Amino acid sequence: MDSRKLLLLGGALTVAGVTAFAARTLVVGASAPPAEAAAVAAPPIDGPEVLVATRALPVGTILDATALKFQPWPKELVENAYFLRAQTDLQSLQGTVVRNPITAGQPVTQGALVKPGDRGFLAAALGPGMRAVTVPVSANTGVAGFVFPGDRIDLVLTQSVDASGGGGGDQRSFRAAETIIRNIRVLATDQRTDNTADAEGKTEVRTFANVTVEATPKIAEQIAVAQQLGTISLSLRSLADTGSELEEAIASGSVKVPEGTDPRAEKQMMLRLASQPQTGNTTFATGGDVSRFARRQLPANAPAATNAVAMSSGPGPAPVAPPVSIGPVVRIARGNDVSVVPVGGKN
């Protein structure tokens, strides 16, 4: 092949290479036209605003300001039993009780609520199998009026405990306070089942003489006996206490979570357990724990006497301390276990 043909072939290859490079640059560099997102706005709902539940409201729920809201609803789906914004005072519905379960986002019907003063109001506020019990309180024992319907409280029993062993001329006794019931729901204070507000819309704190709580039949019996033993005081619980106690119960194994449980069913089970009042595992304090002078009223074996109070699970007859004098003893240590053996007398 002569030189002329080689030059022509080389020139053709060069032109082809330049053309291919230019074509590639044009293809890569040319950005595709941006796809415009066709954001279609939801058509406005043609209808009045009706009252709906902001969360699931089971039977017996006492309504507060956060449980309800107004929301537009299609006019062809509006029923006569719905609460309409133009005809409803939302403030007047606070303190009413849910008679039928309402799911979140569902319109609230007038037949689903029971207002204070209506027949069967308190019965509707009670959960299945629960009872209403009234406890007399004062400003000192009732948290100065800072307890409202829907709150959860503990009941503390203060009583005088016989320290003489039940006989002889020694009539010594000491005072003891014991948390007998925990996580109990307040239904009403005096005859009020709602939280009253002043002219500025702030919750109004008022002292009351009676508080009505929700209890199981067994706990209702215990409260009735406790009122005869001594003075009952209210102890207001934090909102976070119930969840932490439930977690401790699950960790300790006292509450079993079934395997393979549906998450929604498991959540409902947890909420149900968290709302149950509890007895047993009581905590206590005596006068000797508070004042050195009160310790003089305790027998010589004061730790054993106070342990007798701690061993009682719930209200009942006042626990009796063991006899004051047990004679000489020998303490035998086996590792971390220490046992006390009386000597000089019959075992």
Protein backbone atom coordinates (compact mmCIF):
# COMPACT_ATOMS: atom_id res chain seq x y z
CA MET A 1 0.00 0.00 0.00
CA ASP A 2 1.38 3.35 -1.03
CA SER A 3 1.84 6.30 1.30
CA ARG A 4 -1.13 8.18 -0.14
CA LYS A 5 -3.59 5.49 0.85
CA LEU A 6 -2.06 5.28 4.32
CA LEU A 7 -2.51 9.00 4.81
CA LEU A 8 -6.13 8.82 3.69
CA LEU A 9 -6.80 5.88 6.05
CA GLY A 10 -5.16 7.66 8.98
CA GLY A 11 -7.15 10.83 8.29
CA ALA A 12 -10.39 8.86 8.14
CA LEU A 13 -9.66 7.17 11.48
CA THR A 14 -8.83 10.52 13.08
CA VAL A 15 -12.06 12.10 11.85
CA ALA A 16 -14.04 9.07 13.07
CA GLY A 17 -12.43 9.27 16.52
CA VAL A 18 -13.11 13.00 16.87
CA THR A 19 -16.70 12.51 15.74
CA ALA A 20 -17.28 9.68 18.26
CA PHE A 21 -15.78 11.72 21.11
CA ALA A 22 -17.92 14.74 20.23
CA ALA A 23 -21.04 12.60 20.06
CA ARG A 24 -20.28 11.03 23.44
CA THR A 25 -19.71 14.44 25.03
CA LEU A 26 -23.02 15.69 23.70
CA VAL A 27 -24.89 12.63 24.99
CA VAL A 28 -23.35 12.68 28.47
CA GLY A 29 -23.33 16.46 28.92
CA ALA A 30 -26.90 17.01 27.86
CA SER A 31 -28.90 16.68 31.07
CA ALA A 32 -32.24 15.08 30.76
CA PRO A 33 -35.09 17.47 31.42
CA PRO A 34 -35.99 17.26 35.17
CA ALA A 35 -39.09 15.28 35.85
CA GLU A 36 -41.51 17.64 37.39
CA ALA A 37 -43.20 16.01 40.34
CA ALA A 38 -46.84 16.19 39.80
CA ALA A 39 -47.77 17.01 43.37
CA VAL A 40 -51.46 16.59 43.39
CA ALA A 41 -52.94 18.29 46.40
CA ALA A 42 -55.68 16.38 48.17
CA PRO A 43 -59.03 17.92 47.39
CA PRO A 44 -60.50 19.78 50.35
CA ILE A 45 -63.17 17.90 52.27
CA ASP A 46 -66.56 19.36 51.60
CA GLY A 47 -68.30 19.08 54.95
CA PRO A 48 -68.59 20.40 58.50
CA GLU A 49 -66.09 19.80 61.30
CA VAL A 50 -67.07 16.94 63.60
CA LEU A 51 -65.60 15.77 66.90
CA VAL A 52 -63.19 12.82 66.62
CA ALA A 53 -60.98 10.91 69.06
CA THR A 54 -57.28 11.75 68.98
CA ARG A 55 -56.39 8.33 70.41
CA ALA A 56 -58.05 5.02 71.22
CA LEU A 57 -60.59 5.53 74.02
CA PRO A 58 -61.57 2.30 75.81
CA VAL A 59 -64.68 1.94 77.91
CA GLY A 60 -64.47 3.89 81.18
CA THR A 61 -62.03 6.55 79.91
CA ILE A 62 -62.54 9.93 81.57
CA LEU A 63 -62.14 12.51 78.79
CA ASP A 64 -59.76 15.44 79.04
CA ALA A 65 -58.78 18.26 76.66
CA THR A 66 -56.27 16.07 74.76
CA ALA A 67 -58.67 13.23 73.95
CA LEU A 68 -60.84 15.05 71.37
CA LYS A 69 -60.48 17.41 68.43
CA PHE A 70 -62.57 18.78 65.55
CA GLN A 71 -61.87 17.55 62.02
CA PRO A 72 -63.55 18.18 58.62
CA TRP A 73 -65.82 15.31 57.60
CA PRO A 74 -67.58 14.58 54.29
CA LYS A 75 -71.08 16.00 54.52
CA GLU A 76 -72.67 12.90 53.00
CA LEU A 77 -71.21 10.81 55.88
CA VAL A 78 -72.24 13.09 58.73
CA GLU A 79 -74.75 11.53 61.10
CA ASN A 80 -77.16 13.32 63.39
CA ALA A 81 -75.45 11.76 66.44
CA TYR A 82 -72.11 13.46 65.67
CA PHE A 83 -70.88 16.47 67.63
CA LEU A 84 -70.57 19.46 65.24
CA ARG A 85 -68.26 22.38 66.00
CA ALA A 86 -71.03 24.93 65.58
CA GLN A 87 -73.23 23.20 68.14
CA THR A 88 -70.69 21.83 70.64
CA ASP A 89 -68.91 23.33 73.64
CA LEU A 90 -65.76 21.23 73.92
CA GLN A 91 -65.16 22.40 77.48
CA SER A 92 -68.46 20.90 78.60
CA LEU A 93 -67.40 17.43 77.42
CA GLN A 94 -64.35 17.26 79.70
CA GLY A 95 -65.00 14.85 82.54
CA THR A 96 -67.49 12.77 80.59
CA VAL A 97 -66.96 9.01 80.44
CA VAL A 98 -66.73 6.75 77.39
CA ARG A 99 -69.56 4.19 77.38
CA ASN A 100 -68.59 2.41 74.13
CA PRO A 101 -65.02 1.94 72.83
CA ILE A 102 -63.88 4.56 70.29
CA THR A 103 -60.93 4.05 67.94
CA ALA A 104 -58.47 6.82 67.07
CA GLY A 105 -59.82 9.14 64.37
CA GLN A 106 -63.39 7.87 64.72
CA PRO A 107 -66.20 10.43 65.15
CA VAL A 108 -67.60 10.57 68.67
CA THR A 109 -71.33 9.98 68.93
CA GLN A 110 -73.55 11.41 71.62
CA GLY A 111 -74.62 7.95 72.75
CA ALA A 112 -70.99 6.92 73.35
CA LEU A 113 -70.52 9.39 76.22
CA VAL A 114 -72.05 9.62 79.68
CA LYS A 115 -72.05 13.01 81.39
CA PRO A 116 -71.67 13.61 85.13
CA GLY A 117 -75.08 13.46 86.77
CA ASP A 118 -76.50 11.09 84.18
CA ARG A 119 -77.84 7.76 85.36
CA GLY A 120 -75.14 5.10 85.37
CA PHE A 121 -72.29 7.59 85.05
CA LEU A 122 -70.07 6.11 87.75
CA ALA A 123 -70.82 2.55 86.63
CA ALA A 124 -69.69 3.50 83.11
CA ALA A 125 -66.45 4.92 84.49
CA LEU A 126 -65.57 1.60 86.13
CA GLY A 127 -63.59 -1.00 84.24
CA PRO A 128 -64.88 -4.58 83.94
CA GLY A 129 -64.85 -6.31 87.33
CA MET A 130 -63.91 -3.15 89.22
CA ARG A 131 -65.61 -1.41 92.15
CA ALA A 132 -65.89 2.19 93.35
CA VAL A 133 -64.75 2.90 96.92
CA THR A 134 -64.80 6.25 98.75
CA VAL A 135 -62.04 7.23 101.17
CA PRO A 136 -62.36 10.23 103.52
CA VAL A 137 -59.36 12.58 103.40
CA SER A 138 -58.33 16.03 104.57
CA ALA A 139 -56.12 18.76 103.14
CA ASN A 140 -53.08 17.09 104.72
CA THR A 141 -53.85 13.53 103.66
CA GLY A 142 -55.27 14.49 100.23
CA VAL A 143 -52.15 16.12 98.71
CA ALA A 144 -53.66 19.57 99.37
CA GLY A 145 -56.18 19.16 96.56
CA PHE A 146 -53.64 18.42 93.80
CA VAL A 147 -55.33 15.10 92.99
CA PHE A 148 -57.78 15.12 90.08
CA PRO A 149 -60.06 12.52 88.48
CA GLY A 150 -58.01 10.29 86.22
CA ASP A 151 -54.82 10.56 88.33
CA ARG A 152 -53.21 7.48 89.84
CA ILE A 153 -52.29 7.35 93.50
CA ASP A 154 -50.93 5.10 96.25
CA LEU A 155 -52.72 4.62 99.57
CA VAL A 156 -50.63 4.93 102.75
CA LEU A 157 -51.98 3.58 106.06
CA THR A 158 -50.72 5.15 109.31
CA GLN A 159 -51.54 3.21 112.48
CA SER A 160 -50.43 2.60 116.03
CA VAL A 161 -48.80 -0.82 116.49
CA ASP A 162 -48.67 -2.64 119.83
CA ALA A 163 -45.04 -3.24 120.85
CA SER A 164 -45.73 -4.98 124.18
CA GLY A 165 -46.30 -8.43 122.76
CA GLY A 166 -50.00 -8.40 123.61
CA GLY A 167 -49.80 -8.91 127.36
CA GLY A 168 -48.51 -7.64 130.69
CA GLY A 169 -48.62 -4.13 132.02
CA ASP A 170 -46.33 -2.76 129.33
CA GLN A 171 -48.60 -0.74 127.04
CA ARG A 172 -45.90 0.60 124.76
CA SER A 173 -46.76 1.14 121.11
CA PHE A 174 -45.20 2.83 118.12
CA ARG A 175 -46.48 4.52 114.98
CA ALA A 176 -45.99 2.94 111.57
CA ALA A 177 -46.86 4.06 108.03
CA GLU A 178 -47.24 1.49 105.28
CA THR A 179 -47.98 1.77 101.56
CA ILE A 180 -50.77 -0.78 101.26
CA ILE A 181 -52.08 -0.23 97.70
CA ARG A 182 -50.34 1.17 94.62
CA ASN A 183 -51.38 2.44 91.20
CA ILE A 184 -55.07 3.01 91.94
CA ARG A 185 -57.17 5.29 89.70
CA VAL A 186 -59.10 8.28 91.02
CA LEU A 187 -62.69 8.42 89.75
CA ALA A 188 -63.99 11.49 91.58
CA THR A 189 -63.12 14.03 94.26
CA ASP A 190 -66.15 14.76 96.41
CA GLN A 191 -68.96 14.74 93.81
CA ARG A 192 -66.80 16.10 90.97
CA THR A 193 -65.58 13.90 88.15
CA ASP A 194 -63.96 16.62 86.00
CA ASN A 195 -61.21 19.19 86.34
CA THR A 196 -62.71 22.63 86.87
CA ALA A 197 -61.03 25.66 85.31
CA ASP A 198 -61.02 29.33 86.24
CA ALA A 199 -61.79 32.31 83.98
CA GLU A 200 -58.30 32.10 82.43
CA GLY A 201 -58.69 28.41 81.56
CA LYS A 202 -56.24 27.19 84.21
CA THR A 203 -57.06 24.10 86.26
CA GLU A 204 -58.51 25.14 89.58
CA VAL A 205 -57.14 23.41 92.68
CA ARG A 206 -59.69 22.76 95.42
CA THR A 207 -59.44 20.75 98.60
CA PHE A 208 -61.93 17.92 99.05
CA ALA A 209 -63.22 15.75 101.88
CA ASN A 210 -63.71 12.48 99.97
CA VAL A 211 -62.03 10.73 97.08
CA THR A 212 -63.60 7.87 95.12
CA VAL A 213 -61.17 5.33 93.65
CA GLU A 214 -61.43 2.30 91.37
CA ALA A 215 -60.52 -1.01 93.01
CA THR A 216 -60.93 -4.73 92.62
CA PRO A 217 -63.40 -6.42 95.01
CA LYS A 218 -60.52 -7.70 97.17
CA ILE A 219 -58.82 -4.32 97.33
CA ALA A 220 -62.17 -2.72 98.19
CA GLU A 221 -62.35 -4.99 101.24
CA GLN A 222 -58.81 -4.08 102.22
CA ILE A 223 -59.55 -0.36 101.97
CA ALA A 224 -62.62 -0.78 104.18
CA VAL A 225 -60.55 -2.55 106.86
CA ALA A 226 -57.69 -0.05 106.57
CA GLN A 227 -60.06 2.82 107.37
CA GLN A 228 -60.80 1.13 110.72
CA LEU A 229 -57.13 0.49 111.52
CA GLY A 230 -55.86 4.04 111.16
CA THR A 231 -55.58 7.04 108.86
CA ILE A 232 -55.33 6.71 105.07
CA SER A 233 -53.25 9.26 103.13
CA LEU A 234 -52.99 9.74 99.37
CA SER A 235 -49.65 9.66 97.59
CA LEU A 236 -49.76 11.06 94.03
CA ARG A 237 -47.87 8.97 91.46
CA SER A 238 -45.75 10.20 88.58
CA LEU A 239 -46.92 9.36 85.07
CA ALA A 240 -43.64 7.51 84.45
CA ASP A 241 -43.88 5.22 87.50
CA THR A 242 -46.33 2.73 86.02
CA GLY A 243 -44.18 1.97 82.98
CA SER A 244 -41.01 1.52 85.01
CA GLU A 245 -42.72 -0.81 87.50
CA LEU A 246 -44.11 -2.88 84.64
CA GLU A 247 -40.64 -3.22 83.11
CA GLU A 248 -39.27 -4.36 86.48
CA ALA A 249 -42.06 -6.94 86.78
CA ILE A 250 -41.27 -8.32 83.31
CA ALA A 251 -37.54 -8.43 84.07
CA SER A 252 -38.13 -10.26 87.36
CA GLY A 253 -40.40 -12.81 85.68
CA SER A 254 -43.51 -12.02 87.73
CA VAL A 255 -45.22 -10.94 84.50
CA LYS A 256 -44.84 -13.31 81.53
CA VAL A 257 -45.13 -12.06 77.95
CA PRO A 258 -46.34 -14.93 75.70
CA GLU A 259 -44.07 -15.82 72.80
CA GLY A 260 -45.30 -15.07 69.32
CA THR A 261 -47.80 -12.52 70.56
CA ASP A 262 -49.03 -10.01 68.02
CA PRO A 263 -47.36 -6.62 68.73
CA ARG A 264 -50.70 -4.86 68.87
CA ALA A 265 -52.15 -7.47 71.24
CA GLU A 266 -48.98 -7.31 73.33
CA LYS A 267 -49.30 -3.53 73.63
CA GLN A 268 -52.91 -3.85 74.74
CA MET A 269 -51.89 -6.45 77.32
CA MET A 270 -49.18 -4.13 78.68
CA LEU A 271 -51.60 -1.22 78.95
CA ARG A 272 -54.09 -3.44 80.76
CA LEU A 273 -51.47 -4.67 83.23
CA ALA A 274 -50.15 -1.15 83.79
CA SER A 275 -53.62 0.07 84.75
CA GLN A 276 -54.21 -2.62 87.40
CA PRO A 277 -53.97 -1.61 91.08
CA GLN A 278 -51.41 -3.59 93.04
CA THR A 279 -51.07 -4.91 96.58
CA GLY A 280 -48.35 -6.84 98.38
CA ASN A 281 -44.61 -6.05 98.56
CA THR A 282 -45.51 -3.19 100.85
CA THR A 283 -42.99 -0.62 102.04
CA PHE A 284 -43.14 0.87 105.51
CA ALA A 285 -41.57 3.32 107.96
CA THR A 286 -41.81 3.49 111.74
CA GLY A 287 -41.35 6.28 114.24
CA GLY A 288 -37.90 4.90 115.01
CA ASP A 289 -36.88 5.52 111.39
CA VAL A 290 -37.78 9.19 111.75
CA SER A 291 -36.85 10.23 115.29
CA ARG A 292 -34.29 8.97 117.78
CA PHE A 293 -36.71 9.76 120.58
CA ALA A 294 -39.36 7.51 119.05
CA ARG A 295 -36.89 4.61 119.21
CA ARG A 296 -37.20 4.65 122.99
CA GLN A 297 -40.77 3.41 122.60
CA LEU A 298 -39.62 0.33 120.69
CA PRO A 299 -38.75 -2.93 122.46
CA ALA A 300 -35.16 -4.09 122.79
CA ASN A 301 -35.47 -6.18 119.62
CA ALA A 302 -36.76 -3.24 117.57
CA PRO A 303 -35.58 -4.65 114.19
CA ALA A 304 -37.65 -7.79 114.79
CA ALA A 305 -40.64 -5.68 115.79
CA THR A 306 -40.49 -3.52 112.68
CA ASN A 307 -39.95 -6.60 110.54
CA ALA A 308 -43.26 -7.87 111.86
CA VAL A 309 -44.85 -4.83 110.29
CA ALA A 310 -43.00 -5.37 107.04
CA MET A 311 -44.15 -8.98 106.82
CA SER A 312 -47.81 -7.95 106.67
CA SER A 313 -49.09 -7.81 103.09
CA GLY A 314 -51.96 -5.38 103.09
CA PRO A 315 -54.31 -4.20 105.79
CA GLY A 316 -55.56 -6.59 108.43
CA PRO A 317 -55.32 -7.02 112.17
CA ALA A 318 -52.45 -4.99 113.63
CA PRO A 319 -49.30 -7.16 113.57
CA VAL A 320 -48.05 -8.22 116.98
CA ALA A 321 -44.33 -8.04 117.71
CA PRO A 322 -42.58 -11.03 119.28
CA PRO A 323 -41.91 -10.98 123.02
CA VAL A 324 -39.45 -8.34 124.13
CA SER A 325 -37.16 -10.56 126.16
CA ILE A 326 -35.77 -13.70 124.52
CA GLY A 327 -32.78 -14.21 126.82
CA PRO A 328 -29.15 -14.76 125.86
CA VAL A 329 -28.48 -15.67 122.27
CA VAL A 330 -25.57 -17.02 120.20
CA ARG A 331 -25.08 -15.81 116.63
CA ILE A 332 -23.69 -18.47 114.29
CA ALA A 333 -22.20 -17.33 110.99
CA ARG A 334 -22.03 -19.75 108.04
CA GLY A 335 -20.62 -17.74 105.18
CA ASN A 336 -23.02 -14.88 104.59
CA ASP A 337 -25.83 -16.51 106.60
CA VAL A 338 -26.12 -15.53 110.25
CA SER A 339 -28.54 -17.43 112.51
CA VAL A 340 -29.54 -16.53 116.07
CA VAL A 341 -29.87 -19.41 118.54
CA PRO A 342 -31.33 -18.75 122.05
CA VAL A 343 -29.36 -20.27 124.92
CA GLY A 344 -30.18 -20.77 128.57
CA GLY A 345 -33.79 -21.73 127.87
CA LYS A 346 -36.02 -24.11 125.96
CA ASN A 347 -36.01 -23.92 122.17
